[in-house]
Full PDB file with SEQRES, HELIX, SHEET, SSBOND, CRYST1, ORIGX, SCALE, CONECT and MASTER records, all heavy atoms in Angstrom:
SEQRES   1 A   42  ALA ARG SER ARG ARG GLY ARG ASP GLU PRO ALA GLU THR          
SEQRES   2 A   42  ARG LEU SER ARG ILE ASP ASP LEU LYS ARG LYS LYS ILE          
SEQRES   3 A   42  LEU PRO SER MET PRO PRO ASN PRO ALA PRO HIS ILE THR          
SEQRES   4 A   42  ASP TRP LEU                                                  
HELIX    1 AA1 ARG A    4  ASP A    8  1                                   5    
HELIX    2 AA2 ALA A   11  THR A   13  5                                   3    
HELIX    3 AA3 ARG A   17  ARG A   23  1                                   7    
HELIX    4 AA4 PRO A   36  TRP A   41  1                                   6    
CRYST1    1.000    1.000    1.000  90.00  90.00  90.00 P 1           1          
ORIGX1      1.000000  0.000000  0.000000        0.00000                         
ORIGX2      0.000000  1.000000  0.000000        0.00000                         
ORIGX3      0.000000  0.000000  1.000000        0.00000                         
SCALE1      1.000000  0.000000  0.000000        0.00000                         
SCALE2      0.000000  1.000000  0.000000        0.00000                         
SCALE3      0.000000  0.000000  1.000000        0.00000                         
ATOM      1  N   ALA A   1      12.642 -39.819   9.208  1.00  0.00           N  
ATOM      2  CA  ALA A   1      14.109 -39.671   9.228  1.00  0.00           C  
ATOM      3  C   ALA A   1      14.729 -40.265  10.481  1.00  0.00           C  
ATOM      4  O   ALA A   1      15.916 -40.608  10.485  1.00  0.00           O  
ATOM      5  CB  ALA A   1      14.479 -38.198   9.092  1.00  0.00           C  
ATOM      6  N   ARG A   2      13.941 -40.410  11.547  1.00  0.00           N  
ATOM      7  CA  ARG A   2      14.470 -40.974  12.798  1.00  0.00           C  
ATOM      8  C   ARG A   2      14.525 -42.497  12.765  1.00  0.00           C  
ATOM      9  O   ARG A   2      15.179 -43.107  13.605  1.00  0.00           O  
ATOM     10  CB  ARG A   2      13.619 -40.517  13.983  1.00  0.00           C  
ATOM     11  CG  ARG A   2      13.630 -38.997  14.159  1.00  0.00           C  
ATOM     12  CD  ARG A   2      12.593 -38.580  15.144  1.00  0.00           C  
ATOM     13  NE  ARG A   2      11.271 -38.943  14.583  1.00  0.00           N  
ATOM     14  CZ  ARG A   2      10.119 -38.613  15.114  1.00  0.00           C  
ATOM     15  NH1 ARG A   2      10.076 -37.949  16.226  1.00  0.00           N  
ATOM     16  NH2 ARG A   2       8.990 -38.963  14.542  1.00  0.00           N  
ATOM     17  N   SER A   3      13.866 -43.123  11.786  1.00  0.00           N  
ATOM     18  CA  SER A   3      13.849 -44.581  11.710  1.00  0.00           C  
ATOM     19  C   SER A   3      15.116 -45.088  11.006  1.00  0.00           C  
ATOM     20  O   SER A   3      15.786 -44.354  10.286  1.00  0.00           O  
ATOM     21  CB  SER A   3      12.614 -45.067  10.958  1.00  0.00           C  
ATOM     22  OG  SER A   3      12.723 -44.737   9.582  1.00  0.00           O  
ATOM     23  N   ARG A   4      15.402 -46.360  11.210  1.00  0.00           N  
ATOM     24  CA  ARG A   4      16.576 -46.952  10.560  1.00  0.00           C  
ATOM     25  C   ARG A   4      16.394 -46.926   9.041  1.00  0.00           C  
ATOM     26  O   ARG A   4      17.318 -46.614   8.305  1.00  0.00           O  
ATOM     27  CB  ARG A   4      16.784 -48.382  11.056  1.00  0.00           C  
ATOM     28  CG  ARG A   4      18.091 -48.984  10.525  1.00  0.00           C  
ATOM     29  CD  ARG A   4      18.406 -50.284  11.154  1.00  0.00           C  
ATOM     30  NE  ARG A   4      17.420 -51.264  10.678  1.00  0.00           N  
ATOM     31  CZ  ARG A   4      17.326 -52.493  11.140  1.00  0.00           C  
ATOM     32  NH1 ARG A   4      18.116 -52.910  12.099  1.00  0.00           N  
ATOM     33  NH2 ARG A   4      16.424 -53.320  10.658  1.00  0.00           N  
ATOM     34  N   ARG A   5      15.213 -47.252   8.585  1.00  0.00           N  
ATOM     35  CA  ARG A   5      14.942 -47.216   7.149  1.00  0.00           C  
ATOM     36  C   ARG A   5      15.090 -45.805   6.599  1.00  0.00           C  
ATOM     37  O   ARG A   5      15.603 -45.603   5.505  1.00  0.00           O  
ATOM     38  CB  ARG A   5      13.537 -47.755   6.864  1.00  0.00           C  
ATOM     39  CG  ARG A   5      13.314 -48.113   5.426  1.00  0.00           C  
ATOM     40  CD  ARG A   5      12.064 -48.965   5.257  1.00  0.00           C  
ATOM     41  NE  ARG A   5      10.893 -48.371   5.855  1.00  0.00           N  
ATOM     42  CZ  ARG A   5      10.080 -47.521   5.227  1.00  0.00           C  
ATOM     43  NH1 ARG A   5      10.311 -47.180   3.990  1.00  0.00           N  
ATOM     44  NH2 ARG A   5       9.022 -47.028   5.830  1.00  0.00           N  
ATOM     45  N   GLY A   6      14.684 -44.826   7.376  1.00  0.00           N  
ATOM     46  CA  GLY A   6      14.811 -43.434   6.955  1.00  0.00           C  
ATOM     47  C   GLY A   6      16.259 -43.002   6.839  1.00  0.00           C  
ATOM     48  O   GLY A   6      16.604 -42.173   5.997  1.00  0.00           O  
ATOM     49  N   ARG A   7      17.115 -43.558   7.682  1.00  0.00           N  
ATOM     50  CA  ARG A   7      18.543 -43.222   7.622  1.00  0.00           C  
ATOM     51  C   ARG A   7      19.271 -44.021   6.548  1.00  0.00           C  
ATOM     52  O   ARG A   7      20.184 -43.521   5.911  1.00  0.00           O  
ATOM     53  CB  ARG A   7      19.203 -43.488   8.979  1.00  0.00           C  
ATOM     54  CG  ARG A   7      18.796 -42.512  10.062  1.00  0.00           C  
ATOM     55  CD  ARG A   7      19.630 -42.709  11.318  1.00  0.00           C  
ATOM     56  NE  ARG A   7      19.591 -44.086  11.840  1.00  0.00           N  
ATOM     57  CZ  ARG A   7      18.702 -44.553  12.707  1.00  0.00           C  
ATOM     58  NH1 ARG A   7      17.758 -43.753  13.151  1.00  0.00           N  
ATOM     59  NH2 ARG A   7      18.745 -45.795  13.136  1.00  0.00           N  
ATOM     60  N   ASP A   8      18.879 -45.285   6.347  1.00  0.00           N  
ATOM     61  CA  ASP A   8      19.640 -46.189   5.484  1.00  0.00           C  
ATOM     62  C   ASP A   8      19.168 -46.232   4.034  1.00  0.00           C  
ATOM     63  O   ASP A   8      19.964 -46.500   3.142  1.00  0.00           O  
ATOM     64  CB  ASP A   8      19.599 -47.615   6.050  1.00  0.00           C  
ATOM     65  CG  ASP A   8      20.242 -47.713   7.417  1.00  0.00           C  
ATOM     66  OD1 ASP A   8      20.996 -46.775   7.791  1.00  0.00           O  
ATOM     67  OD2 ASP A   8      19.993 -48.707   8.122  1.00  0.00           O  
ATOM     68  N   GLU A   9      17.895 -46.007   3.803  1.00  0.00           N  
ATOM     69  CA  GLU A   9      17.350 -46.146   2.455  1.00  0.00           C  
ATOM     70  C   GLU A   9      17.738 -44.943   1.606  1.00  0.00           C  
ATOM     71  O   GLU A   9      17.444 -43.808   1.954  1.00  0.00           O  
ATOM     72  CB  GLU A   9      15.825 -46.259   2.525  1.00  0.00           C  
ATOM     73  CG  GLU A   9      15.165 -46.557   1.198  1.00  0.00           C  
ATOM     74  CD  GLU A   9      13.666 -46.694   1.356  1.00  0.00           C  
ATOM     75  OE1 GLU A   9      13.221 -47.717   1.904  1.00  0.00           O  
ATOM     76  OE2 GLU A   9      12.951 -45.759   0.953  1.00  0.00           O  
ATOM     77  N   PRO A  10      18.402 -45.178   0.461  1.00  0.00           N  
ATOM     78  CA  PRO A  10      18.789 -44.041  -0.378  1.00  0.00           C  
ATOM     79  C   PRO A  10      17.579 -43.371  -1.023  1.00  0.00           C  
ATOM     80  O   PRO A  10      16.643 -44.046  -1.455  1.00  0.00           O  
ATOM     81  CB  PRO A  10      19.701 -44.662  -1.449  1.00  0.00           C  
ATOM     82  CG  PRO A  10      19.432 -46.120  -1.411  1.00  0.00           C  
ATOM     83  CD  PRO A  10      18.850 -46.455  -0.064  1.00  0.00           C  
ATOM     84  N   ALA A  11      17.602 -42.059  -1.055  1.00  0.00           N  
ATOM     85  CA  ALA A  11      16.472 -41.294  -1.606  1.00  0.00           C  
ATOM     86  C   ALA A  11      16.276 -41.564  -3.093  1.00  0.00           C  
ATOM     87  O   ALA A  11      15.160 -41.461  -3.603  1.00  0.00           O  
ATOM     88  CB  ALA A  11      16.689 -39.805  -1.368  1.00  0.00           C  
ATOM     89  N   GLU A  12      17.343 -41.947  -3.804  1.00  0.00           N  
ATOM     90  CA  GLU A  12      17.241 -42.166  -5.244  1.00  0.00           C  
ATOM     91  C   GLU A  12      16.341 -43.352  -5.586  1.00  0.00           C  
ATOM     92  O   GLU A  12      15.832 -43.448  -6.695  1.00  0.00           O  
ATOM     93  CB  GLU A  12      18.625 -42.425  -5.878  1.00  0.00           C  
ATOM     94  CG  GLU A  12      19.659 -41.360  -5.617  1.00  0.00           C  
ATOM     95  CD  GLU A  12      20.386 -41.558  -4.291  1.00  0.00           C  
ATOM     96  OE1 GLU A  12      20.864 -42.668  -4.005  1.00  0.00           O  
ATOM     97  OE2 GLU A  12      20.452 -40.585  -3.539  1.00  0.00           O  
ATOM     98  N   THR A  13      16.168 -44.285  -4.654  1.00  0.00           N  
ATOM     99  CA  THR A  13      15.362 -45.472  -4.943  1.00  0.00           C  
ATOM    100  C   THR A  13      13.866 -45.234  -4.749  1.00  0.00           C  
ATOM    101  O   THR A  13      13.065 -46.071  -5.124  1.00  0.00           O  
ATOM    102  CB  THR A  13      15.784 -46.650  -4.051  1.00  0.00           C  
ATOM    103  OG1 THR A  13      15.550 -46.304  -2.682  1.00  0.00           O  
ATOM    104  CG2 THR A  13      17.242 -47.008  -4.261  1.00  0.00           C  
ATOM    105  N   ARG A  14      13.499 -44.125  -4.182  1.00  0.00           N  
ATOM    106  CA  ARG A  14      12.092 -43.848  -3.903  1.00  0.00           C  
ATOM    107  C   ARG A  14      11.375 -43.364  -5.155  1.00  0.00           C  
ATOM    108  O   ARG A  14      11.914 -42.607  -5.941  1.00  0.00           O  
ATOM    109  CB  ARG A  14      11.974 -42.806  -2.801  1.00  0.00           C  
ATOM    110  CG  ARG A  14      12.574 -43.276  -1.502  1.00  0.00           C  
ATOM    111  CD  ARG A  14      12.409 -42.238  -0.407  1.00  0.00           C  
ATOM    112  NE  ARG A  14      13.208 -42.643   0.738  1.00  0.00           N  
ATOM    113  CZ  ARG A  14      13.988 -41.830   1.413  1.00  0.00           C  
ATOM    114  NH1 ARG A  14      14.058 -40.548   1.092  1.00  0.00           N  
ATOM    115  NH2 ARG A  14      14.693 -42.264   2.429  1.00  0.00           N  
ATOM    116  N   LEU A  15      10.134 -43.802  -5.287  1.00  0.00           N  
ATOM    117  CA  LEU A  15       9.283 -43.395  -6.409  1.00  0.00           C  
ATOM    118  C   LEU A  15       8.129 -42.549  -5.885  1.00  0.00           C  
ATOM    119  O   LEU A  15       7.681 -42.725  -4.756  1.00  0.00           O  
ATOM    120  CB  LEU A  15       8.694 -44.619  -7.114  1.00  0.00           C  
ATOM    121  CG  LEU A  15       9.654 -45.568  -7.811  1.00  0.00           C  
ATOM    122  CD1 LEU A  15       8.898 -46.803  -8.306  1.00  0.00           C  
ATOM    123  CD2 LEU A  15      10.360 -44.887  -8.947  1.00  0.00           C  
ATOM    124  N   SER A  16       7.614 -41.677  -6.743  1.00  0.00           N  
ATOM    125  CA  SER A  16       6.390 -40.964  -6.383  1.00  0.00           C  
ATOM    126  C   SER A  16       5.264 -41.998  -6.338  1.00  0.00           C  
ATOM    127  O   SER A  16       5.377 -43.094  -6.887  1.00  0.00           O  
ATOM    128  CB  SER A  16       6.081 -39.881  -7.410  1.00  0.00           C  
ATOM    129  OG  SER A  16       5.737 -40.465  -8.649  1.00  0.00           O  
ATOM    130  N   ARG A  17       4.165 -41.643  -5.682  1.00  0.00           N  
ATOM    131  CA  ARG A  17       3.047 -42.578  -5.590  1.00  0.00           C  
ATOM    132  C   ARG A  17       2.520 -42.937  -6.979  1.00  0.00           C  
ATOM    133  O   ARG A  17       2.220 -44.087  -7.256  1.00  0.00           O  
ATOM    134  CB  ARG A  17       1.931 -41.993  -4.734  1.00  0.00           C  
ATOM    135  CG  ARG A  17       2.244 -41.999  -3.263  1.00  0.00           C  
ATOM    136  CD  ARG A  17       1.042 -41.546  -2.438  1.00  0.00           C  
ATOM    137  NE  ARG A  17       1.351 -41.610  -1.024  1.00  0.00           N  
ATOM    138  CZ  ARG A  17       1.842 -40.585  -0.329  1.00  0.00           C  
ATOM    139  NH1 ARG A  17       2.061 -39.425  -0.921  1.00  0.00           N  
ATOM    140  NH2 ARG A  17       2.106 -40.719   0.958  1.00  0.00           N  
ATOM    141  N   ILE A  18       2.434 -41.948  -7.861  1.00  0.00           N  
ATOM    142  CA  ILE A  18       1.901 -42.229  -9.197  1.00  0.00           C  
ATOM    143  C   ILE A  18       2.844 -43.148  -9.964  1.00  0.00           C  
ATOM    144  O   ILE A  18       2.404 -44.060 -10.661  1.00  0.00           O  
ATOM    145  CB  ILE A  18       1.581 -40.933  -9.986  1.00  0.00           C  
ATOM    146  CG1 ILE A  18       0.807 -41.239 -11.272  1.00  0.00           C  
ATOM    147  CG2 ILE A  18       2.828 -40.149 -10.322  1.00  0.00           C  
ATOM    148  CD1 ILE A  18      -0.587 -41.705 -11.065  1.00  0.00           C  
ATOM    149  N   ASP A  19       4.166 -42.944  -9.830  1.00  0.00           N  
ATOM    150  CA  ASP A  19       5.118 -43.817 -10.519  1.00  0.00           C  
ATOM    151  C   ASP A  19       5.077 -45.234  -9.954  1.00  0.00           C  
ATOM    152  O   ASP A  19       5.204 -46.211 -10.697  1.00  0.00           O  
ATOM    153  CB  ASP A  19       6.535 -43.249 -10.430  1.00  0.00           C  
ATOM    154  CG  ASP A  19       6.707 -41.999 -11.286  1.00  0.00           C  
ATOM    155  OD1 ASP A  19       5.914 -41.813 -12.231  1.00  0.00           O  
ATOM    156  OD2 ASP A  19       7.634 -41.214 -11.002  1.00  0.00           O  
ATOM    157  N   ASP A  20       4.890 -45.344  -8.643  1.00  0.00           N  
ATOM    158  CA  ASP A  20       4.783 -46.663  -8.021  1.00  0.00           C  
ATOM    159  C   ASP A  20       3.531 -47.385  -8.513  1.00  0.00           C  
ATOM    160  O   ASP A  20       3.568 -48.574  -8.819  1.00  0.00           O  
ATOM    161  CB  ASP A  20       4.772 -46.530  -6.498  1.00  0.00           C  
ATOM    162  CG  ASP A  20       4.828 -47.865  -5.792  1.00  0.00           C  
ATOM    163  OD1 ASP A  20       5.662 -48.721  -6.186  1.00  0.00           O  
ATOM    164  OD2 ASP A  20       4.037 -48.066  -4.850  1.00  0.00           O  
ATOM    165  N   LEU A  21       2.417 -46.661  -8.614  1.00  0.00           N  
ATOM    166  CA  LEU A  21       1.180 -47.267  -9.126  1.00  0.00           C  
ATOM    167  C   LEU A  21       1.344 -47.691 -10.584  1.00  0.00           C  
ATOM    168  O   LEU A  21       0.881 -48.759 -10.980  1.00  0.00           O  
ATOM    169  CB  LEU A  21       0.007 -46.299  -8.980  1.00  0.00           C  
ATOM    170  CG  LEU A  21      -0.476 -46.043  -7.552  1.00  0.00           C  
ATOM    171  CD1 LEU A  21      -1.490 -44.911  -7.532  1.00  0.00           C  
ATOM    172  CD2 LEU A  21      -1.046 -47.293  -6.931  1.00  0.00           C  
ATOM    173  N   LYS A  22       2.012 -46.862 -11.378  1.00  0.00           N  
ATOM    174  CA  LYS A  22       2.256 -47.226 -12.778  1.00  0.00           C  
ATOM    175  C   LYS A  22       3.113 -48.479 -12.864  1.00  0.00           C  
ATOM    176  O   LYS A  22       2.862 -49.357 -13.684  1.00  0.00           O  
ATOM    177  CB  LYS A  22       2.945 -46.077 -13.511  1.00  0.00           C  
ATOM    178  CG  LYS A  22       2.042 -44.917 -13.829  1.00  0.00           C  
ATOM    179  CD  LYS A  22       2.818 -43.803 -14.500  1.00  0.00           C  
ATOM    180  CE  LYS A  22       1.951 -42.591 -14.753  1.00  0.00           C  
ATOM    181  NZ  LYS A  22       2.728 -41.469 -15.322  1.00  0.00           N  
ATOM    182  N   ARG A  23       4.147 -48.566 -12.014  1.00  0.00           N  
ATOM    183  CA  ARG A  23       5.029 -49.731 -12.002  1.00  0.00           C  
ATOM    184  C   ARG A  23       4.240 -50.995 -11.670  1.00  0.00           C  
ATOM    185  O   ARG A  23       4.480 -52.059 -12.225  1.00  0.00           O  
ATOM    186  CB  ARG A  23       6.153 -49.525 -10.979  1.00  0.00           C  
ATOM    187  CG  ARG A  23       7.194 -50.628 -10.937  1.00  0.00           C  
ATOM    188  CD  ARG A  23       8.304 -50.335  -9.938  1.00  0.00           C  
ATOM    189  NE  ARG A  23       7.837 -50.085  -8.592  1.00  0.00           N  
ATOM    190  CZ  ARG A  23       7.541 -51.030  -7.700  1.00  0.00           C  
ATOM    191  NH1 ARG A  23       7.664 -52.286  -7.999  1.00  0.00           N  
ATOM    192  NH2 ARG A  23       7.138 -50.700  -6.488  1.00  0.00           N  
ATOM    193  N   LYS A  24       3.268 -50.853 -10.773  1.00  0.00           N  
ATOM    194  CA  LYS A  24       2.430 -51.990 -10.380  1.00  0.00           C  
ATOM    195  C   LYS A  24       1.250 -52.202 -11.325  1.00  0.00           C  
ATOM    196  O   LYS A  24       0.437 -53.094 -11.112  1.00  0.00           O  
ATOM    197  CB  LYS A  24       1.895 -51.774  -8.960  1.00  0.00           C  
ATOM    198  CG  LYS A  24       2.978 -51.774  -7.901  1.00  0.00           C  
ATOM    199  CD  LYS A  24       2.398 -51.420  -6.541  1.00  0.00           C  
ATOM    200  CE  LYS A  24       3.452 -51.393  -5.459  1.00  0.00           C  
ATOM    201  NZ  LYS A  24       2.904 -50.932  -4.170  1.00  0.00           N  
ATOM    202  N   LYS A  25       1.152 -51.343 -12.341  1.00  0.00           N  
ATOM    203  CA  LYS A  25       0.063 -51.397 -13.324  1.00  0.00           C  
ATOM    204  C   LYS A  25      -1.310 -51.234 -12.672  1.00  0.00           C  
ATOM    205  O   LYS A  25      -2.266 -51.935 -12.991  1.00  0.00           O  
ATOM    206  CB  LYS A  25       0.131 -52.684 -14.143  1.00  0.00           C  
ATOM    207  CG  LYS A  25       1.379 -52.785 -14.992  1.00  0.00           C  
ATOM    208  CD  LYS A  25       1.393 -54.069 -15.781  1.00  0.00           C  
ATOM    209  CE  LYS A  25       2.527 -54.142 -16.749  1.00  0.00           C  
ATOM    210  NZ  LYS A  25       3.850 -54.225 -16.247  1.00  0.00           N  
ATOM    211  N   ILE A  26      -1.376 -50.288 -11.731  1.00  0.00           N  
ATOM    212  CA  ILE A  26      -2.636 -49.965 -11.051  1.00  0.00           C  
ATOM    213  C   ILE A  26      -3.064 -48.577 -11.502  1.00  0.00           C  
ATOM    214  O   ILE A  26      -2.294 -47.622 -11.413  1.00  0.00           O  
ATOM    215  CB  ILE A  26      -2.467 -49.986  -9.516  1.00  0.00           C  
ATOM    216  CG1 ILE A  26      -2.090 -51.384  -9.040  1.00  0.00           C  
ATOM    217  CG2 ILE A  26      -3.737 -49.492  -8.834  1.00  0.00           C  
ATOM    218  CD1 ILE A  26      -1.733 -51.451  -7.565  1.00  0.00           C  
ATOM    219  N   LEU A  27      -4.276 -48.476 -11.991  1.00  0.00           N  
ATOM    220  CA  LEU A  27      -4.832 -47.190 -12.385  1.00  0.00           C  
ATOM    221  C   LEU A  27      -5.389 -46.512 -11.135  1.00  0.00           C  
ATOM    222  O   LEU A  27      -6.278 -47.063 -10.482  1.00  0.00           O  
ATOM    223  CB  LEU A  27      -5.941 -47.386 -13.422  1.00  0.00           C  
ATOM    224  CG  LEU A  27      -6.585 -46.124 -13.965  1.00  0.00           C  
ATOM    225  CD1 LEU A  27      -5.556 -45.319 -14.757  1.00  0.00           C  
ATOM    226  CD2 LEU A  27      -7.759 -46.485 -14.856  1.00  0.00           C  
ATOM    227  N   PRO A  28      -4.863 -45.344 -10.768  1.00  0.00           N  
ATOM    228  CA  PRO A  28      -5.368 -44.708  -9.547  1.00  0.00           C  
ATOM    229  C   PRO A  28      -6.804 -44.245  -9.723  1.00  0.00           C  
ATOM    230  O   PRO A  28      -7.163 -43.702 -10.767  1.00  0.00           O  
ATOM    231  CB  PRO A  28      -4.428 -43.512  -9.343  1.00  0.00           C  
ATOM    232  CG  PRO A  28      -3.885 -43.221 -10.687  1.00  0.00           C  
ATOM    233  CD  PRO A  28      -3.863 -44.533 -11.435  1.00  0.00           C  
ATOM    234  N   SER A  29      -7.605 -44.504  -8.712  1.00  0.00           N  
ATOM    235  CA  SER A  29      -8.976 -43.996  -8.754  1.00  0.00           C  
ATOM    236  C   SER A  29      -8.951 -42.582  -8.194  1.00  0.00           C  
ATOM    237  O   SER A  29      -8.274 -42.298  -7.214  1.00  0.00           O  
ATOM    238  CB  SER A  29      -9.911 -44.895  -7.961  1.00  0.00           C  
ATOM    239  OG  SER A  29      -9.406 -45.109  -6.674  1.00  0.00           O  
ATOM    240  N   MET A  30      -9.643 -41.711  -8.851  1.00  0.00           N  
ATOM    241  CA  MET A  30      -9.651 -40.306  -8.466  1.00  0.00           C  
ATOM    242  C   MET A  30     -11.038 -39.920  -7.949  1.00  0.00           C  
ATOM    243  O   MET A  30     -12.031 -40.540  -8.319  1.00  0.00           O  
ATOM    244  CB  MET A  30      -9.296 -39.434  -9.674  1.00  0.00           C  
ATOM    245  CG  MET A  30      -7.905 -39.671 -10.226  1.00  0.00           C  
ATOM    246  SD  MET A  30      -6.603 -39.163  -9.086  1.00  0.00           S  
ATOM    247  CE  MET A  30      -6.751 -37.398  -9.197  1.00  0.00           C  
ATOM    248  N   PRO A  31     -11.081 -38.903  -7.117  1.00  0.00           N  
ATOM    249  CA  PRO A  31     -12.387 -38.439  -6.629  1.00  0.00           C  
ATOM    250  C   PRO A  31     -13.168 -37.776  -7.761  1.00  0.00           C  
ATOM    251  O   PRO A  31     -12.588 -37.394  -8.782  1.00  0.00           O  
ATOM    252  CB  PRO A  31     -12.013 -37.420  -5.545  1.00  0.00           C  
ATOM    253  CG  PRO A  31     -10.657 -36.947  -5.926  1.00  0.00           C  
ATOM    254  CD  PRO A  31      -9.975 -38.102  -6.598  1.00  0.00           C  
ATOM    255  N   PRO A  32     -14.477 -37.638  -7.593  1.00  0.00           N  
ATOM    256  CA  PRO A  32     -15.265 -36.975  -8.637  1.00  0.00           C  
ATOM    257  C   PRO A  32     -14.818 -35.520  -8.809  1.00  0.00           C  
ATOM    258  O   PRO A  32     -14.400 -34.872  -7.856  1.00  0.00           O  
ATOM    259  CB  PRO A  32     -16.702 -37.050  -8.119  1.00  0.00           C  
ATOM    260  CG  PRO A  32     -16.620 -37.474  -6.709  1.00  0.00           C  
ATOM    261  CD  PRO A  32     -15.265 -38.053  -6.461  1.00  0.00           C  
ATOM    262  N   ASN A  33     -14.884 -35.042 -10.039  1.00  0.00           N  
ATOM    263  CA  ASN A  33     -14.486 -33.668 -10.347  1.00  0.00           C  
ATOM    264  C   ASN A  33     -15.659 -32.984 -11.051  1.00  0.00           C  
ATOM    265  O   ASN A  33     -15.858 -33.188 -12.244  1.00  0.00           O  
ATOM    266  CB  ASN A  33     -13.245 -33.671 -11.235  1.00  0.00           C  
ATOM    267  CG  ASN A  33     -12.748 -32.274 -11.537  1.00  0.00           C  
ATOM    268  OD1 ASN A  33     -13.354 -31.287 -11.163  1.00  0.00           O  
ATOM    269  ND2 ASN A  33     -11.639 -32.198 -12.245  1.00  0.00           N  
ATOM    270  N   PRO A  34     -16.418 -32.167 -10.322  1.00  0.00           N  
ATOM    271  CA  PRO A  34     -17.593 -31.540 -10.931  1.00  0.00           C  
ATOM    272  C   PRO A  34     -17.254 -30.400 -11.895  1.00  0.00           C  
ATOM    273  O   PRO A  34     -18.132 -29.933 -12.612  1.00  0.00           O  
ATOM    274  CB  PRO A  34     -18.367 -31.011  -9.720  1.00  0.00           C  
ATOM    275  CG  PRO A  34     -17.324 -30.803  -8.678  1.00  0.00           C  
ATOM    276  CD  PRO A  34     -16.280 -31.852  -8.908  1.00  0.00           C  
ATOM    277  N   ALA A  35     -15.994 -29.952 -11.928  1.00  0.00           N  
ATOM    278  CA  ALA A  35     -15.611 -28.847 -12.813  1.00  0.00           C  
ATOM    279  C   ALA A  35     -14.267 -29.149 -13.481  1.00  0.00           C  
ATOM    280  O   ALA A  35     -13.268 -28.488 -13.215  1.00  0.00           O  
ATOM    281  CB  ALA A  35     -15.545 -27.544 -12.021  1.00  0.00           C  
ATOM    282  N   PRO A  36     -14.231 -30.171 -14.359  1.00  0.00           N  
ATOM    283  CA  PRO A  36     -12.954 -30.554 -14.960  1.00  0.00           C  
ATOM    284  C   PRO A  36     -12.300 -29.444 -15.781  1.00  0.00           C  
ATOM    285  O   PRO A  36     -11.078 -29.393 -15.886  1.00  0.00           O  
ATOM    286  CB  PRO A  36     -13.298 -31.768 -15.825  1.00  0.00           C  
ATOM    287  CG  PRO A  36     -14.762 -31.702 -16.040  1.00  0.00           C  
ATOM    288  CD  PRO A  36     -15.329 -30.990 -14.852  1.00  0.00           C  
ATOM    289  N   HIS A  37     -13.096 -28.539 -16.334  1.00  0.00           N  
ATOM    290  CA  HIS A  37     -12.505 -27.450 -17.123  1.00  0.00           C  
ATOM    291  C   HIS A  37     -11.622 -26.552 -16.250  1.00  0.00           C  
ATOM    292  O   HIS A  37     -10.584 -26.082 -16.699  1.00  0.00           O  
ATOM    293  CB  HIS A  37     -13.600 -26.642 -17.830  1.00  0.00           C  
ATOM    294  CG  HIS A  37     -14.562 -25.962 -16.904  1.00  0.00           C  
ATOM    295  ND1 HIS A  37     -15.481 -26.661 -16.155  1.00  0.00           N  
ATOM    296  CD2 HIS A  37     -14.722 -24.664 -16.597  1.00  0.00           C  
ATOM    297  CE1 HIS A  37     -16.189 -25.797 -15.432  1.00  0.00           C  
ATOM    298  NE2 HIS A  37     -15.741 -24.588 -15.670  1.00  0.00           N  
ATOM    299  N   ILE A  38     -11.997 -26.355 -14.996  1.00  0.00           N  
ATOM    300  CA  ILE A  38     -11.198 -25.501 -14.109  1.00  0.00           C  
ATOM    301  C   ILE A  38      -9.880 -26.195 -13.752  1.00  0.00           C  
ATOM    302  O   ILE A  38      -8.815 -25.572 -13.795  1.00  0.00           O  
ATOM    303  CB  ILE A  38     -12.005 -25.108 -12.852  1.00  0.00           C  
ATOM    304  CG1 ILE A  38     -13.180 -24.196 -13.262  1.00  0.00           C  
ATOM    305  CG2 ILE A  38     -11.104 -24.406 -11.831  1.00  0.00           C  
ATOM    306  CD1 ILE A  38     -14.110 -23.820 -12.139  1.00  0.00           C  
ATOM    307  N   THR A  39      -9.940 -27.479 -13.433  1.00  0.00           N  
ATOM    308  CA  THR A  39      -8.686 -28.180 -13.130  1.00  0.00           C  
ATOM    309  C   THR A  39      -7.830 -28.313 -14.385  1.00  0.00           C  
ATOM    310  O   THR A  39      -6.595 -28.252 -14.298  1.00  0.00           O  
ATOM    311  CB  THR A  39      -8.940 -29.556 -12.488  1.00  0.00           C  
ATOM    312  OG1 THR A  39      -9.841 -30.309 -13.304  1.00  0.00           O  
ATOM    313  CG2 THR A  39      -9.503 -29.412 -11.090  1.00  0.00           C  
ATOM    314  N   ASP A  40      -8.448 -28.453 -15.547  1.00  0.00           N  
ATOM    315  CA  ASP A  40      -7.673 -28.482 -16.793  1.00  0.00           C  
ATOM    316  C   ASP A  40      -6.933 -27.165 -16.993  1.00  0.00           C  
ATOM    317  O   ASP A  40      -5.769 -27.155 -17.410  1.00  0.00           O  
ATOM    318  CB  ASP A  40      -8.575 -28.755 -17.999  1.00  0.00           C  
ATOM    319  CG  ASP A  40      -9.078 -30.192 -18.054  1.00  0.00           C  
ATOM    320  OD1 ASP A  40      -8.536 -31.054 -17.318  1.00  0.00           O  
ATOM    321  OD2 ASP A  40     -10.023 -30.453 -18.827  1.00  0.00           O  
ATOM    322  N   TRP A  41      -7.584 -26.052 -16.708  1.00  0.00           N  
ATOM    323  CA  TRP A  41      -6.927 -24.747 -16.836  1.00  0.00           C  
ATOM    324  C   TRP A  41      -5.753 -24.645 -15.862  1.00  0.00           C  
ATOM    325  O   TRP A  41      -4.688 -24.156 -16.224  1.00  0.00           O  
ATOM    326  CB  TRP A  41      -7.912 -23.617 -16.583  1.00  0.00           C  
ATOM    327  CG  TRP A  41      -8.965 -23.440 -17.644  1.00  0.00           C  
ATOM    328  CD1 TRP A  41      -8.882 -23.838 -18.956  1.00  0.00           C  
ATOM    329  CD2 TRP A  41     -10.236 -22.834 -17.496  1.00  0.00           C  
ATOM    330  NE1 TRP A  41     -10.033 -23.511 -19.625  1.00  0.00           N  
ATOM    331  CE2 TRP A  41     -10.894 -22.879 -18.753  1.00  0.00           C  
ATOM    332  CE3 TRP A  41     -10.902 -22.247 -16.429  1.00  0.00           C  
ATOM    333  CZ2 TRP A  41     -12.159 -22.365 -18.965  1.00  0.00           C  
ATOM    334  CZ3 TRP A  41     -12.175 -21.728 -16.640  1.00  0.00           C  
ATOM    335  CH2 TRP A  41     -12.795 -21.795 -17.896  1.00  0.00           C  
ATOM    336  N   LEU A  42      -5.967 -25.088 -14.626  1.00  0.00           N  
ATOM    337  CA  LEU A  42      -4.887 -25.041 -13.633  1.00  0.00           C  
ATOM    338  C   LEU A  42      -3.694 -25.878 -14.098  1.00  0.00           C  
ATOM    339  O   LEU A  42      -2.550 -25.439 -14.021  1.00  0.00           O  
ATOM    340  CB  LEU A  42      -5.383 -25.532 -12.267  1.00  0.00           C  
ATOM    341  CG  LEU A  42      -4.324 -25.671 -11.179  1.00  0.00           C  
ATOM    342  CD1 LEU A  42      -3.647 -24.346 -10.872  1.00  0.00           C  
ATOM    343  CD2 LEU A  42      -4.939 -26.260  -9.923  1.00  0.00           C  
TER     344      LEU A  42                                                      
MASTER        0    0    0    4    0    0    0    6  343    1    0    4          
END                                                                             
């Protein structure tokens, strides 16, 4: 927020990291998940 870009850049133009990766057509690599059923429940 102290930078010029932080003051001048409108918040509406910012994308989440996942949306930015989708826009660039990059599939995010994820770490290994030894218990996918637990994260699925969450």
